[in-house]
Amino acid sequence: QLLRSTKNQILTMVDIGRTEKVKQFKEDAVIQLQEILQIKQEEVAMIEEQLALMTKDHVKDVNVVDPYGDNGLFSGQVNGDTPHGKGTMKYEDGRTYAGDWINGRWQGIGKSNFLNGDTYEGEYQHDQRQGKGIYYW
C-alpha cells in the first residue's frame, strides 16, 4: 500500500512537472510568435509605403471613357486621368484590352479579346492592329 501510494505521488509529481514544462513551453511560444508578428507587421508597413510610392500613378477599376466614347473600367498606369503605360481596360460591352497605352490609346504591345471570342496579340498603333501579331478566331 505504501509503495503504491509513493508510486502514485511520484507519478503525480512527474505529471505536474510535465504540465509545468508544457505550460512554460506554450508561454514561450506565444511570446516568440508575438515578436514574429510584430516584425512582420513592421515589414508589411514598410512594403505598403514602398508600394504607395511606386504606384502613385496607378489606378484600379477606375471608370474611363476612351477617345471613341466607350466606357470601361481601367486598371494600370495613368498620366492624370488618362491611361498611359501598362494597363487593362474592361469595356462595358465585354471587350478587353491589356497592354501598352499612350495618352489613352492602344499603342505598343497588347492583347484584345473581342465580343465574338476572337483574340489578337501583338503590336498596336493608334488603337489599331499594326505590325506583327497573331489573330485567333
Protein backbone atom coordinates (compact mmCIF):
# COMPACT_ATOMS: atom_id res chain seq x y z
CA GLN A 1 0.00 0.00 0.00
CA LEU A 2 2.78 2.42 0.95
CA LEU A 3 4.70 1.51 -2.20
CA ARG A 4 1.63 2.11 -4.32
CA SER A 5 0.99 5.46 -2.62
CA THR A 6 4.61 6.54 -3.11
CA LYS A 7 4.48 5.46 -6.75
CA ASN A 8 1.28 7.50 -7.28
CA GLN A 9 2.88 10.54 -5.62
CA ILE A 10 5.93 10.23 -7.84
CA LEU A 11 3.74 9.89 -10.97
CA THR A 12 1.72 12.90 -9.85
CA MET A 13 4.91 14.92 -9.38
CA VAL A 14 6.13 13.82 -12.82
CA ASP A 15 2.78 14.83 -14.35
CA ILE A 16 2.91 18.19 -12.56
CA GLY A 17 6.45 18.66 -13.83
CA ARG A 18 5.38 17.83 -17.38
CA THR A 19 2.39 20.10 -17.09
CA GLU A 20 4.58 22.96 -15.87
CA LYS A 21 7.08 22.35 -18.67
CA VAL A 22 4.32 22.25 -21.27
CA LYS A 23 2.78 25.40 -19.79
CA GLN A 24 6.16 27.19 -19.89
CA PHE A 25 6.77 25.95 -23.44
CA LYS A 26 3.38 27.33 -24.54
CA GLU A 27 4.06 30.67 -22.86
CA ASP A 28 7.48 30.92 -24.52
CA ALA A 29 5.98 30.00 -27.89
CA VAL A 30 3.30 32.68 -27.55
CA ILE A 31 5.94 35.31 -26.74
CA GLN A 32 8.04 34.28 -29.72
CA LEU A 33 5.02 34.33 -32.04
CA GLN A 34 4.06 37.79 -30.79
CA GLU A 35 7.60 39.02 -31.52
CA ILE A 36 7.48 37.50 -35.02
CA LEU A 37 4.05 39.05 -35.62
CA GLN A 38 5.37 42.47 -34.62
CA ILE A 39 8.32 42.13 -37.01
CA LYS A 40 6.04 41.00 -39.86
CA GLN A 41 3.62 43.88 -39.22
CA GLU A 42 6.54 46.31 -39.46
CA GLU A 43 7.68 44.65 -42.70
CA VAL A 44 4.16 44.92 -44.16
CA ALA A 45 4.01 48.61 -43.24
CA MET A 46 7.34 49.23 -44.99
CA ILE A 47 6.22 47.32 -48.11
CA GLU A 48 2.93 49.24 -48.20
CA GLU A 49 4.86 52.54 -48.02
CA GLN A 50 7.12 51.44 -50.88
CA LEU A 51 4.14 50.32 -52.97
CA ALA A 52 2.39 53.62 -52.37
CA LEU A 53 5.44 55.45 -53.70
CA MET A 54 5.79 53.11 -56.67
CA THR A 55 2.10 53.10 -57.56
CA LYS A 56 1.03 56.67 -57.03
CA ASP A 57 0.44 56.85 -60.81
CA HIS A 58 -1.55 53.60 -60.80
CA VAL A 59 -5.30 53.11 -60.52
CA LYS A 60 -7.56 50.10 -60.11
CA ASP A 61 -11.02 49.70 -61.65
CA VAL A 62 -11.48 53.39 -62.47
CA ASN A 63 -14.25 54.32 -64.89
CA VAL A 64 -12.66 55.65 -68.09
CA VAL A 65 -14.18 56.85 -71.36
CA ASP A 66 -11.91 56.16 -74.36
CA PRO A 67 -11.49 58.57 -77.30
CA TYR A 68 -14.42 56.87 -79.08
CA GLY A 69 -16.84 57.33 -76.16
CA ASP A 70 -16.70 53.71 -74.99
CA ASN A 71 -16.86 53.23 -71.21
CA GLY A 72 -14.89 50.73 -69.20
CA LEU A 73 -13.02 50.00 -66.01
CA PHE A 74 -9.30 50.68 -66.26
CA SER A 75 -6.55 49.31 -64.02
CA GLY A 76 -2.97 50.35 -64.56
CA GLN A 77 -0.70 53.32 -65.07
CA VAL A 78 -2.14 56.75 -65.74
CA ASN A 79 -0.98 60.23 -66.57
CA GLY A 80 -3.51 62.37 -64.74
CA ASP A 81 -6.79 60.60 -65.52
CA THR A 82 -5.61 59.16 -68.84
CA PRO A 83 -4.35 55.59 -69.34
CA HIS A 84 -0.64 55.85 -70.05
CA GLY A 85 1.84 52.99 -69.63
CA LYS A 86 0.79 49.42 -68.86
CA GLY A 87 -2.84 48.69 -68.12
CA THR A 88 -6.03 46.78 -68.71
CA MET A 89 -9.42 48.11 -69.82
CA LYS A 90 -12.56 46.03 -69.35
CA TYR A 91 -15.15 47.67 -71.56
CA GLU A 92 -18.82 47.69 -70.62
CA ASP A 93 -19.68 45.77 -73.80
CA GLY A 94 -17.42 42.86 -72.76
CA ARG A 95 -14.27 43.62 -74.77
CA THR A 96 -10.92 43.80 -73.03
CA TYR A 97 -7.53 45.24 -73.89
CA ALA A 98 -4.42 44.61 -71.83
CA GLY A 99 -1.13 46.13 -72.80
CA ASP A 100 0.63 49.38 -73.58
CA TRP A 101 -1.19 52.73 -73.58
CA ILE A 102 -0.07 56.15 -74.73
CA ASN A 103 -2.33 59.13 -73.98
CA GLY A 104 -5.43 56.95 -73.65
CA ARG A 105 -4.82 54.94 -76.83
CA TRP A 106 -3.76 51.36 -77.51
CA GLN A 107 -0.15 51.84 -78.53
CA GLY A 108 2.63 49.26 -78.41
CA ILE A 109 2.23 45.61 -77.45
CA GLY A 110 -1.14 44.36 -76.25
CA LYS A 111 -3.85 41.75 -76.28
CA SER A 112 -7.51 42.27 -77.20
CA ASN A 113 -10.42 39.96 -76.56
CA PHE A 114 -13.39 40.74 -78.79
CA LEU A 115 -17.10 40.09 -78.29
CA ASN A 116 -17.20 37.30 -80.87
CA GLY A 117 -14.49 35.37 -79.00
CA ASP A 118 -11.62 36.40 -81.29
CA THR A 119 -8.31 37.46 -79.75
CA TYR A 120 -5.40 39.47 -81.10
CA GLU A 121 -1.97 39.57 -79.50
CA GLY A 122 0.62 41.83 -81.00
CA GLU A 123 1.51 45.37 -81.98
CA TYR A 124 -0.87 48.34 -81.97
CA GLN A 125 -0.65 51.89 -83.26
CA HIS A 126 -3.37 54.46 -82.54
CA ASP A 127 -5.82 51.78 -81.34
CA GLN A 128 -5.37 49.68 -84.50
CA ARG A 129 -3.66 46.34 -85.04
CA GLN A 130 -0.45 47.35 -86.77
CA GLY A 131 2.76 45.40 -87.29
CA LYS A 132 3.40 41.88 -86.03
CA GLY A 133 0.80 39.91 -84.17
CA ILE A 134 -1.32 36.81 -84.03
CA TYR A 135 -5.09 36.80 -84.55
CA TYR A 136 -7.04 33.90 -83.04
CA TRP A 137 -10.60 33.17 -84.14
